[in-house]
Amino acid sequence: MKIILNYMTCILNKWWLAMLLLLLTCGTTSLPAMTWNDFRNDRTLTPENLIRKFANFKFKLFDAVQSRDTFLSTQIGDCDDFATLAADALREKGYTTKLVAVFTAKQAHVVCYVKEAGAYLDYNNRKKPSPLVPTDGSLADIARKVARSFGAPWCSVLEYTFKNGVKRAVATDFPQA
């Protein structure tokens, strides 16, 4: 009987050890949540390394722009969550940014244009090796390139500001007939 008890104890100990190892190695694959202060305090923040910080974020469409804290802590969001955060973070670092919404027949998509980079940041490109999309900065050029990425023609494009939860139109453009 003593031999059987020793054998059972050995098996249980190995089982618990195996379970502990499984839990330790199969945890979540997401990175620790970033905070708004992480962006504000990052002295090396550039448009390219900013977008790379979002490579592991998940896409989920929301009706309204999420707060920065919610977007960063859950690591889930959509194009306007990313673009508004990117525009604010880069503007604080001295970059000239603008929010651009491109409208096609079936959807709208928001990107953050960065003048000094000569490119826009697109949340859909966050996992690409070269995530910046070069542009001449005109609303029409940005609209053409965004619409092309969706395989659809653009209907209109809007530059806007977003402050305290309020969107204000700055400029619009429409495709030439």
N, C-alpha and C. Protein backbone atom coordinates (compact mmCIF):
# COMPACT_ATOMS: atom_id res chain seq x y z
N MET A 1 0.83 -1.20 0.00
CA MET A 1 0.00 0.00 0.00
C MET A 1 0.87 1.26 0.00
N LYS A 2 1.95 1.23 0.80
CA LYS A 2 2.84 2.38 0.87
C LYS A 2 3.47 2.67 -0.49
N ILE A 3 3.83 1.65 -1.25
CA ILE A 3 4.41 1.82 -2.57
C ILE A 3 3.39 2.48 -3.51
N ILE A 4 2.14 2.07 -3.43
CA ILE A 4 1.09 2.66 -4.27
C ILE A 4 0.89 4.13 -3.93
N LEU A 5 0.89 4.49 -2.65
CA LEU A 5 0.72 5.88 -2.22
C LEU A 5 1.89 6.74 -2.71
N ASN A 6 3.11 6.21 -2.58
CA ASN A 6 4.28 6.93 -3.07
C ASN A 6 4.19 7.15 -4.59
N TYR A 7 3.76 6.12 -5.30
CA TYR A 7 3.61 6.20 -6.75
C TYR A 7 2.57 7.26 -7.12
N MET A 8 1.43 7.27 -6.43
CA MET A 8 0.35 8.24 -6.70
C MET A 8 0.83 9.66 -6.39
N THR A 9 1.55 9.85 -5.30
CA THR A 9 2.08 11.17 -4.94
C THR A 9 3.03 11.66 -6.01
N CYS A 10 3.87 10.79 -6.51
CA CYS A 10 4.82 11.15 -7.57
C CYS A 10 4.07 11.58 -8.82
N ILE A 11 3.05 10.85 -9.22
CA ILE A 11 2.26 11.17 -10.41
C ILE A 11 1.56 12.53 -10.23
N LEU A 12 0.95 12.75 -9.05
CA LEU A 12 0.26 14.02 -8.79
C LEU A 12 1.24 15.19 -8.82
N ASN A 13 2.41 15.02 -8.23
CA ASN A 13 3.40 16.09 -8.24
C ASN A 13 3.83 16.43 -9.67
N LYS A 14 4.04 15.41 -10.49
CA LYS A 14 4.41 15.64 -11.89
C LYS A 14 3.26 16.30 -12.65
N TRP A 15 2.02 15.92 -12.34
CA TRP A 15 0.85 16.51 -12.99
C TRP A 15 0.77 18.00 -12.66
N TRP A 16 0.93 18.34 -11.37
CA TRP A 16 0.87 19.74 -10.96
C TRP A 16 2.00 20.54 -11.60
N LEU A 17 3.17 19.96 -11.66
CA LEU A 17 4.29 20.64 -12.30
C LEU A 17 4.01 20.88 -13.78
N ALA A 18 3.45 19.87 -14.45
CA ALA A 18 3.12 20.01 -15.86
C ALA A 18 2.06 21.10 -16.06
N MET A 19 1.07 21.16 -15.20
CA MET A 19 0.02 22.18 -15.30
C MET A 19 0.61 23.58 -15.08
N LEU A 20 1.50 23.70 -14.11
CA LEU A 20 2.14 24.99 -13.84
C LEU A 20 2.96 25.45 -15.04
N LEU A 21 3.72 24.56 -15.63
CA LEU A 21 4.50 24.90 -16.81
C LEU A 21 3.61 25.29 -17.98
N LEU A 22 2.50 24.57 -18.14
CA LEU A 22 1.56 24.89 -19.21
C LEU A 22 0.99 26.29 -19.02
N LEU A 23 0.60 26.62 -17.82
CA LEU A 23 0.05 27.94 -17.54
C LEU A 23 1.08 29.04 -17.77
N LEU A 24 2.32 28.79 -17.41
CA LEU A 24 3.36 29.80 -17.57
C LEU A 24 3.73 30.02 -19.03
N THR A 25 3.70 28.96 -19.83
CA THR A 25 4.13 29.09 -21.22
C THR A 25 3.00 29.38 -22.18
N CYS A 26 1.77 29.21 -21.79
CA CYS A 26 0.64 29.42 -22.70
C CYS A 26 -0.19 30.62 -22.31
N GLY A 27 0.42 31.59 -21.67
CA GLY A 27 -0.30 32.79 -21.29
C GLY A 27 -0.66 33.61 -22.51
N THR A 28 -1.13 34.79 -22.31
CA THR A 28 -1.53 35.64 -23.42
C THR A 28 -0.30 36.06 -24.21
N THR A 29 -0.53 36.34 -25.48
CA THR A 29 0.58 36.78 -26.34
C THR A 29 0.62 38.29 -26.47
N SER A 30 -0.34 38.99 -25.87
CA SER A 30 -0.33 40.45 -26.00
C SER A 30 0.75 41.05 -25.11
N LEU A 31 1.21 42.19 -25.53
CA LEU A 31 2.24 42.90 -24.79
C LEU A 31 1.59 43.68 -23.66
N PRO A 32 2.38 44.10 -22.68
CA PRO A 32 1.82 44.92 -21.61
C PRO A 32 1.18 46.17 -22.20
N ALA A 33 0.10 46.61 -21.60
CA ALA A 33 -0.61 47.78 -22.10
C ALA A 33 0.27 49.02 -22.04
N MET A 34 0.17 49.85 -23.07
CA MET A 34 0.86 51.14 -23.09
C MET A 34 -0.07 52.16 -22.45
N THR A 35 0.50 53.26 -22.07
CA THR A 35 -0.30 54.36 -21.53
C THR A 35 -0.04 55.61 -22.35
N TRP A 36 -0.91 56.58 -22.22
CA TRP A 36 -0.72 57.84 -22.91
C TRP A 36 0.59 58.48 -22.48
N ASN A 37 0.95 58.35 -21.21
CA ASN A 37 2.22 58.91 -20.73
C ASN A 37 3.42 58.23 -21.37
N ASP A 38 3.29 56.96 -21.73
CA ASP A 38 4.38 56.28 -22.45
C ASP A 38 4.70 57.04 -23.74
N PHE A 39 3.66 57.47 -24.45
CA PHE A 39 3.87 58.22 -25.69
C PHE A 39 4.43 59.60 -25.40
N ARG A 40 3.90 60.25 -24.40
CA ARG A 40 4.34 61.60 -24.07
C ARG A 40 5.79 61.63 -23.62
N ASN A 41 6.23 60.57 -22.95
CA ASN A 41 7.59 60.53 -22.40
C ASN A 41 8.60 59.88 -23.34
N ASP A 42 8.16 59.36 -24.47
CA ASP A 42 9.05 58.70 -25.41
C ASP A 42 9.77 59.75 -26.25
N ARG A 43 11.04 59.99 -25.95
CA ARG A 43 11.82 61.01 -26.65
C ARG A 43 12.21 60.58 -28.06
N THR A 44 12.07 59.30 -28.36
CA THR A 44 12.46 58.81 -29.68
C THR A 44 11.24 58.56 -30.58
N LEU A 45 10.09 59.06 -30.19
CA LEU A 45 8.87 58.79 -30.94
C LEU A 45 8.93 59.42 -32.34
N THR A 46 8.75 58.58 -33.34
CA THR A 46 8.67 59.01 -34.73
C THR A 46 7.40 58.39 -35.30
N PRO A 47 6.95 58.86 -36.46
CA PRO A 47 5.76 58.25 -37.05
C PRO A 47 5.91 56.74 -37.25
N GLU A 48 7.07 56.31 -37.73
CA GLU A 48 7.23 54.87 -38.00
C GLU A 48 7.27 54.04 -36.72
N ASN A 49 8.01 54.50 -35.69
CA ASN A 49 8.03 53.65 -34.50
C ASN A 49 6.73 53.75 -33.71
N LEU A 50 5.97 54.83 -33.90
CA LEU A 50 4.66 54.90 -33.26
C LEU A 50 3.73 53.83 -33.82
N ILE A 51 3.60 53.74 -35.13
CA ILE A 51 2.67 52.77 -35.71
C ILE A 51 3.09 51.34 -35.41
N ARG A 52 4.40 51.10 -35.30
CA ARG A 52 4.86 49.75 -34.99
C ARG A 52 4.42 49.30 -33.59
N LYS A 53 4.19 50.25 -32.69
CA LYS A 53 3.74 49.91 -31.34
C LYS A 53 2.34 49.29 -31.36
N PHE A 54 1.62 49.43 -32.46
CA PHE A 54 0.26 48.93 -32.55
C PHE A 54 0.15 47.63 -33.35
N ALA A 55 1.28 47.04 -33.71
CA ALA A 55 1.28 45.84 -34.56
C ALA A 55 0.44 44.70 -33.98
N ASN A 56 0.41 44.55 -32.67
CA ASN A 56 -0.32 43.44 -32.07
C ASN A 56 -1.73 43.81 -31.62
N PHE A 57 -2.15 45.03 -31.87
CA PHE A 57 -3.51 45.44 -31.51
C PHE A 57 -4.51 44.72 -32.42
N LYS A 58 -5.67 44.49 -31.90
CA LYS A 58 -6.75 43.84 -32.65
C LYS A 58 -7.69 44.90 -33.21
N PHE A 59 -8.30 44.57 -34.35
CA PHE A 59 -9.27 45.49 -34.96
C PHE A 59 -10.67 45.15 -34.46
N LYS A 60 -11.38 46.17 -34.05
CA LYS A 60 -12.81 46.06 -33.75
C LYS A 60 -13.42 47.43 -34.00
N LEU A 61 -14.47 47.45 -34.81
CA LEU A 61 -15.12 48.69 -35.18
C LEU A 61 -16.00 49.19 -34.04
N PHE A 62 -15.84 50.46 -33.70
CA PHE A 62 -16.66 51.11 -32.67
C PHE A 62 -17.40 52.29 -33.30
N ASP A 63 -18.55 52.62 -32.75
CA ASP A 63 -19.35 53.73 -33.27
C ASP A 63 -18.71 55.08 -33.01
N ALA A 64 -18.02 55.21 -31.90
CA ALA A 64 -17.40 56.48 -31.52
C ALA A 64 -15.93 56.26 -31.23
N VAL A 65 -15.18 57.34 -31.20
CA VAL A 65 -13.76 57.25 -30.85
C VAL A 65 -13.65 56.88 -29.37
N GLN A 66 -12.88 55.84 -29.10
CA GLN A 66 -12.65 55.43 -27.71
C GLN A 66 -11.70 56.40 -27.03
N SER A 67 -11.73 56.42 -25.72
CA SER A 67 -10.73 57.20 -24.99
C SER A 67 -9.36 56.57 -25.24
N ARG A 68 -8.33 57.38 -25.13
CA ARG A 68 -6.97 56.87 -25.31
C ARG A 68 -6.70 55.72 -24.36
N ASP A 69 -7.09 55.90 -23.09
CA ASP A 69 -6.82 54.88 -22.08
C ASP A 69 -7.49 53.56 -22.41
N THR A 70 -8.73 53.61 -22.87
CA THR A 70 -9.44 52.38 -23.23
C THR A 70 -8.76 51.69 -24.40
N PHE A 71 -8.47 52.46 -25.45
CA PHE A 71 -7.82 51.90 -26.63
C PHE A 71 -6.48 51.26 -26.28
N LEU A 72 -5.68 51.96 -25.50
CA LEU A 72 -4.35 51.45 -25.14
C LEU A 72 -4.41 50.27 -24.19
N SER A 73 -5.31 50.30 -23.23
CA SER A 73 -5.34 49.21 -22.24
C SER A 73 -5.95 47.93 -22.79
N THR A 74 -6.95 48.06 -23.67
CA THR A 74 -7.57 46.84 -24.23
C THR A 74 -6.82 46.35 -25.45
N GLN A 75 -6.06 47.23 -26.10
CA GLN A 75 -5.35 46.92 -27.33
C GLN A 75 -6.31 46.47 -28.43
N ILE A 76 -7.47 47.09 -28.43
CA ILE A 76 -8.52 46.80 -29.41
C ILE A 76 -9.10 48.12 -29.88
N GLY A 77 -9.23 48.28 -31.19
CA GLY A 77 -9.82 49.51 -31.69
C GLY A 77 -9.89 49.55 -33.19
N ASP A 78 -10.19 50.73 -33.70
CA ASP A 78 -10.34 50.89 -35.15
C ASP A 78 -9.53 52.08 -35.64
N CYS A 79 -9.75 52.43 -36.89
CA CYS A 79 -8.91 53.44 -37.55
C CYS A 79 -8.98 54.81 -36.90
N ASP A 80 -10.17 55.24 -36.46
CA ASP A 80 -10.21 56.58 -35.88
C ASP A 80 -9.66 56.61 -34.46
N ASP A 81 -9.73 55.49 -33.74
CA ASP A 81 -9.06 55.41 -32.42
C ASP A 81 -7.56 55.63 -32.61
N PHE A 82 -7.00 54.90 -33.59
CA PHE A 82 -5.57 54.99 -33.85
C PHE A 82 -5.18 56.36 -34.38
N ALA A 83 -5.89 56.84 -35.40
CA ALA A 83 -5.50 58.09 -36.06
C ALA A 83 -5.55 59.28 -35.11
N THR A 84 -6.57 59.36 -34.26
CA THR A 84 -6.66 60.49 -33.34
C THR A 84 -5.54 60.44 -32.30
N LEU A 85 -5.25 59.24 -31.81
CA LEU A 85 -4.15 59.10 -30.84
C LEU A 85 -2.82 59.45 -31.51
N ALA A 86 -2.60 58.92 -32.71
CA ALA A 86 -1.33 59.18 -33.42
C ALA A 86 -1.16 60.68 -33.69
N ALA A 87 -2.23 61.33 -34.14
CA ALA A 87 -2.14 62.76 -34.45
C ALA A 87 -1.78 63.56 -33.20
N ASP A 88 -2.42 63.25 -32.09
CA ASP A 88 -2.13 63.98 -30.84
C ASP A 88 -0.72 63.71 -30.33
N ALA A 89 -0.32 62.45 -30.34
CA ALA A 89 1.01 62.08 -29.83
C ALA A 89 2.11 62.72 -30.67
N LEU A 90 1.98 62.65 -31.97
CA LEU A 90 3.02 63.21 -32.85
C LEU A 90 3.01 64.73 -32.82
N ARG A 91 1.83 65.33 -32.71
CA ARG A 91 1.76 66.79 -32.62
C ARG A 91 2.49 67.27 -31.37
N GLU A 92 2.36 66.54 -30.27
CA GLU A 92 3.08 66.91 -29.04
C GLU A 92 4.58 66.83 -29.22
N LYS A 93 5.04 66.02 -30.17
CA LYS A 93 6.47 65.87 -30.44
C LYS A 93 6.96 66.84 -31.51
N GLY A 94 6.08 67.75 -31.96
CA GLY A 94 6.48 68.76 -32.92
C GLY A 94 6.15 68.45 -34.36
N TYR A 95 5.50 67.34 -34.63
CA TYR A 95 5.13 67.00 -36.00
C TYR A 95 3.85 67.75 -36.38
N THR A 96 3.70 68.00 -37.67
CA THR A 96 2.49 68.61 -38.21
C THR A 96 1.60 67.47 -38.72
N THR A 97 0.44 67.32 -38.11
CA THR A 97 -0.44 66.19 -38.46
C THR A 97 -1.81 66.70 -38.87
N LYS A 98 -2.51 65.85 -39.60
CA LYS A 98 -3.91 66.13 -39.88
C LYS A 98 -4.68 64.80 -39.97
N LEU A 99 -5.90 64.85 -39.49
CA LEU A 99 -6.80 63.69 -39.57
C LEU A 99 -7.54 63.76 -40.89
N VAL A 100 -7.56 62.65 -41.61
CA VAL A 100 -8.19 62.61 -42.93
C VAL A 100 -9.14 61.41 -42.97
N ALA A 101 -10.41 61.69 -43.27
CA ALA A 101 -11.42 60.64 -43.43
C ALA A 101 -11.73 60.50 -44.91
N VAL A 102 -11.59 59.28 -45.41
CA VAL A 102 -11.85 58.99 -46.82
C VAL A 102 -13.14 58.18 -46.90
N PHE A 103 -14.03 58.61 -47.77
CA PHE A 103 -15.33 57.96 -47.91
C PHE A 103 -15.43 57.27 -49.26
N THR A 104 -15.81 55.98 -49.22
CA THR A 104 -16.13 55.24 -50.43
C THR A 104 -17.63 54.95 -50.37
N ALA A 105 -18.15 54.26 -51.37
CA ALA A 105 -19.58 53.98 -51.38
C ALA A 105 -20.00 53.10 -50.21
N LYS A 106 -19.08 52.29 -49.69
CA LYS A 106 -19.47 51.34 -48.65
C LYS A 106 -18.89 51.61 -47.27
N GLN A 107 -17.90 52.49 -47.18
CA GLN A 107 -17.27 52.70 -45.88
C GLN A 107 -16.51 54.00 -45.80
N ALA A 108 -16.13 54.32 -44.57
CA ALA A 108 -15.26 55.47 -44.31
C ALA A 108 -14.02 54.93 -43.61
N HIS A 109 -12.89 55.60 -43.84
CA HIS A 109 -11.64 55.17 -43.22
C HIS A 109 -10.84 56.41 -42.85
N VAL A 110 -10.25 56.41 -41.65
CA VAL A 110 -9.52 57.56 -41.14
C VAL A 110 -8.03 57.23 -41.05
N VAL A 111 -7.21 58.16 -41.50
CA VAL A 111 -5.75 58.03 -41.41
C VAL A 111 -5.18 59.31 -40.80
N CYS A 112 -3.92 59.23 -40.40
CA CYS A 112 -3.22 60.38 -39.84
C CYS A 112 -2.08 60.75 -40.78
N TYR A 113 -2.20 61.92 -41.41
CA TYR A 113 -1.15 62.42 -42.29
C TYR A 113 -0.10 63.14 -41.45
N VAL A 114 1.19 62.89 -41.76
CA VAL A 114 2.30 63.54 -41.06
C VAL A 114 3.15 64.25 -42.11
N LYS A 115 3.09 65.58 -42.09
CA LYS A 115 3.77 66.40 -43.10
C LYS A 115 5.27 66.10 -43.17
N GLU A 116 5.94 66.07 -42.03
CA GLU A 116 7.40 65.88 -42.01
C GLU A 116 7.83 64.52 -42.56
N ALA A 117 6.96 63.53 -42.47
CA ALA A 117 7.26 62.19 -42.99
C ALA A 117 6.89 62.09 -44.47
N GLY A 118 6.08 63.03 -44.96
CA GLY A 118 5.59 62.95 -46.33
C GLY A 118 4.78 61.69 -46.54
N ALA A 119 4.04 61.30 -45.49
CA ALA A 119 3.31 60.03 -45.53
C ALA A 119 2.13 60.08 -44.56
N TYR A 120 1.25 59.09 -44.71
CA TYR A 120 0.19 58.94 -43.73
C TYR A 120 0.31 57.60 -43.02
N LEU A 121 -0.21 57.58 -41.81
CA LEU A 121 -0.24 56.36 -41.00
C LEU A 121 -1.63 55.76 -41.11
N ASP A 122 -1.69 54.50 -41.45
CA ASP A 122 -2.95 53.78 -41.64
C ASP A 122 -2.96 52.59 -40.70
N TYR A 123 -3.95 52.53 -39.82
CA TYR A 123 -4.05 51.43 -38.84
C TYR A 123 -4.02 50.07 -39.53
N ASN A 124 -4.52 49.99 -40.75
CA ASN A 124 -4.51 48.73 -41.49
C ASN A 124 -3.10 48.29 -41.88
N ASN A 125 -2.14 49.21 -41.84
CA ASN A 125 -0.76 48.88 -42.22
C ASN A 125 0.14 48.62 -41.02
N ARG A 126 -0.42 48.56 -39.83
CA ARG A 126 0.39 48.48 -38.60
C ARG A 126 1.28 47.25 -38.54
N LYS A 127 0.99 46.20 -39.29
CA LYS A 127 1.80 44.98 -39.26
C LYS A 127 2.74 44.88 -40.46
N LYS A 128 2.69 45.82 -41.37
CA LYS A 128 3.50 45.76 -42.58
C LYS A 128 4.94 46.16 -42.29
N PRO A 129 5.89 45.61 -43.06
CA PRO A 129 7.30 45.98 -42.87
C PRO A 129 7.55 47.47 -43.11
N SER A 130 6.83 48.05 -44.08
CA SER A 130 6.93 49.49 -44.36
C SER A 130 5.53 50.08 -44.15
N PRO A 131 5.22 50.49 -42.92
CA PRO A 131 3.84 50.89 -42.61
C PRO A 131 3.45 52.30 -43.06
N LEU A 132 4.41 53.14 -43.41
CA LEU A 132 4.07 54.50 -43.84
C LEU A 132 3.70 54.51 -45.32
N VAL A 133 2.67 55.28 -45.67
CA VAL A 133 2.25 55.38 -47.06
C VAL A 133 2.65 56.76 -47.59
N PRO A 134 3.62 56.81 -48.51
CA PRO A 134 4.06 58.10 -49.05
C PRO A 134 2.93 58.81 -49.79
N THR A 135 2.89 60.14 -49.65
CA THR A 135 1.87 60.95 -50.31
C THR A 135 2.39 62.37 -50.48
N ASP A 136 1.78 63.08 -51.42
CA ASP A 136 2.15 64.50 -51.57
C ASP A 136 1.41 65.37 -50.55
N GLY A 137 0.53 64.75 -49.78
CA GLY A 137 -0.17 65.47 -48.71
C GLY A 137 -1.49 66.07 -49.11
N SER A 138 -1.80 66.07 -50.39
CA SER A 138 -3.10 66.61 -50.80
C SER A 138 -4.21 65.64 -50.40
N LEU A 139 -5.37 66.18 -50.12
CA LEU A 139 -6.49 65.33 -49.74
C LEU A 139 -6.83 64.34 -50.86
N ALA A 140 -6.76 64.79 -52.10
CA ALA A 140 -7.08 63.90 -53.23
C ALA A 140 -6.09 62.74 -53.33
N ASP A 141 -4.80 63.01 -53.13
CA ASP A 141 -3.80 61.94 -53.20
C ASP A 141 -4.00 60.93 -52.08
N ILE A 142 -4.25 61.42 -50.88
CA ILE A 142 -4.50 60.52 -49.75
C ILE A 142 -5.76 59.70 -50.02
N ALA A 143 -6.80 60.34 -50.51
CA ALA A 143 -8.06 59.63 -50.80
C ALA A 143 -7.86 58.55 -51.85
N ARG A 144 -7.12 58.86 -52.93
CA ARG A 144 -6.86 57.87 -53.98
C ARG A 144 -6.15 56.64 -53.42
N LYS A 145 -5.14 56.89 -52.59
CA LYS A 145 -4.34 55.78 -52.07
C LYS A 145 -5.11 54.94 -51.04
N VAL A 146 -5.87 55.60 -50.18
CA VAL A 146 -6.68 54.86 -49.22
C VAL A 146 -7.74 54.04 -49.95
N ALA A 147 -8.44 54.68 -50.89
CA ALA A 147 -9.49 53.99 -51.65
C ALA A 147 -8.92 52.80 -52.42
N ARG A 148 -7.73 52.98 -53.01
CA ARG A 148 -7.08 51.89 -53.73
C ARG A 148 -6.81 50.70 -52.80
N SER A 149 -6.44 50.99 -51.56
CA SER A 149 -6.17 49.89 -50.61
C SER A 149 -7.44 49.09 -50.30
N PHE A 150 -8.60 49.70 -50.51
CA PHE A 150 -9.87 49.01 -50.30
C PHE A 150 -10.47 48.49 -51.61
N GLY A 151 -9.80 48.78 -52.72
CA GLY A 151 -10.29 48.32 -54.01
C GLY A 151 -11.60 48.99 -54.40
N ALA A 152 -11.75 50.25 -54.03
CA ALA A 152 -12.99 50.98 -54.31
C ALA A 152 -12.66 52.42 -54.67
N PRO A 153 -13.49 53.06 -55.48
CA PRO A 153 -13.28 54.49 -55.76
C PRO A 153 -13.72 55.32 -54.55
N TRP A 154 -13.10 56.48 -54.41
CA TRP A 154 -13.49 57.35 -53.31
C TRP A 154 -14.57 58.31 -53.77
N CYS A 155 -15.45 58.68 -52.82
CA CYS A 155 -16.57 59.59 -53.10
C CYS A 155 -16.28 61.00 -52.59
N SER A 156 -15.61 61.06 -51.44
CA SER A 156 -15.24 62.35 -50.85
C SER A 156 -14.16 62.12 -49.80
N VAL A 157 -13.50 63.22 -49.43
CA VAL A 157 -12.47 63.16 -48.40
C VAL A 157 -12.62 64.39 -47.53
N LEU A 158 -12.35 64.22 -46.24
CA LEU A 158 -12.55 65.28 -45.26
C LEU A 158 -11.34 65.37 -44.34
N GLU A 159 -10.77 66.56 -44.24
CA GLU A 159 -9.78 66.81 -43.19
C GLU A 159 -10.56 67.41 -42.04
N TYR A 160 -10.26 66.94 -40.82
CA TYR A 160 -10.99 67.44 -39.66
C TYR A 160 -10.11 67.46 -38.42
N THR A 161 -10.57 68.16 -37.42
CA THR A 161 -9.91 68.15 -36.11
C THR A 161 -10.80 67.38 -35.15
N PHE A 162 -10.19 66.87 -34.09
CA PHE A 162 -10.94 66.15 -33.07
C PHE A 162 -10.42 66.61 -31.71
N LYS A 163 -11.25 67.33 -31.00
CA LYS A 163 -10.85 67.85 -29.70
C LYS A 163 -12.03 67.76 -28.74
N ASN A 164 -11.76 67.21 -27.56
CA ASN A 164 -12.80 67.06 -26.53
C ASN A 164 -14.02 66.33 -27.06
N GLY A 165 -13.79 65.32 -27.90
CA GLY A 165 -14.88 64.52 -28.43
C GLY A 165 -15.67 65.16 -29.56
N VAL A 166 -15.21 66.30 -30.06
CA VAL A 166 -15.93 67.02 -31.10
C VAL A 166 -15.10 67.03 -32.39
N LYS A 167 -15.73 66.62 -33.48
CA LYS A 167 -15.09 66.67 -34.80
C LYS A 167 -15.50 67.97 -35.49
N ARG A 168 -14.51 68.66 -36.06
CA ARG A 168 -14.77 69.89 -36.81
C ARG A 168 -14.11 69.80 -38.18
N ALA A 169 -14.90 70.03 -39.20
CA ALA A 169 -14.40 69.97 -40.58
C ALA A 169 -13.43 71.11 -40.84
N VAL A 170 -12.35 70.79 -41.54
CA VAL A 170 -11.34 71.79 -41.93
C VAL A 170 -11.38 72.00 -43.44
N ALA A 171 -11.42 70.91 -44.19
CA ALA A 171 -11.42 70.99 -45.66
C ALA A 171 -12.03 69.72 -46.23
N THR A 172 -12.57 69.83 -47.44
CA THR A 172 -13.11 68.66 -48.14
C THR A 172 -12.64 68.68 -49.58
N ASP A 173 -12.77 67.53 -50.22
CA ASP A 173 -12.47 67.43 -51.65
C ASP A 173 -13.31 66.30 -52.22
N PHE A 174 -13.50 66.37 -53.53
CA PHE A 174 -14.29 65.37 -54.25
C PHE A 174 -13.51 64.97 -55.50
N PRO A 175 -13.71 63.75 -55.97
CA PRO A 175 -12.98 63.33 -57.17
C PRO A 175 -13.39 64.18 -58.38
N GLN A 176 -12.42 64.40 -59.25
CA GLN A 176 -12.71 65.15 -60.46
C GLN A 176 -13.46 64.25 -61.44
N ALA A 177 -14.45 64.79 -62.08
CA ALA A 177 -15.29 63.99 -62.99
C ALA A 177 -14.58 63.59 -64.25
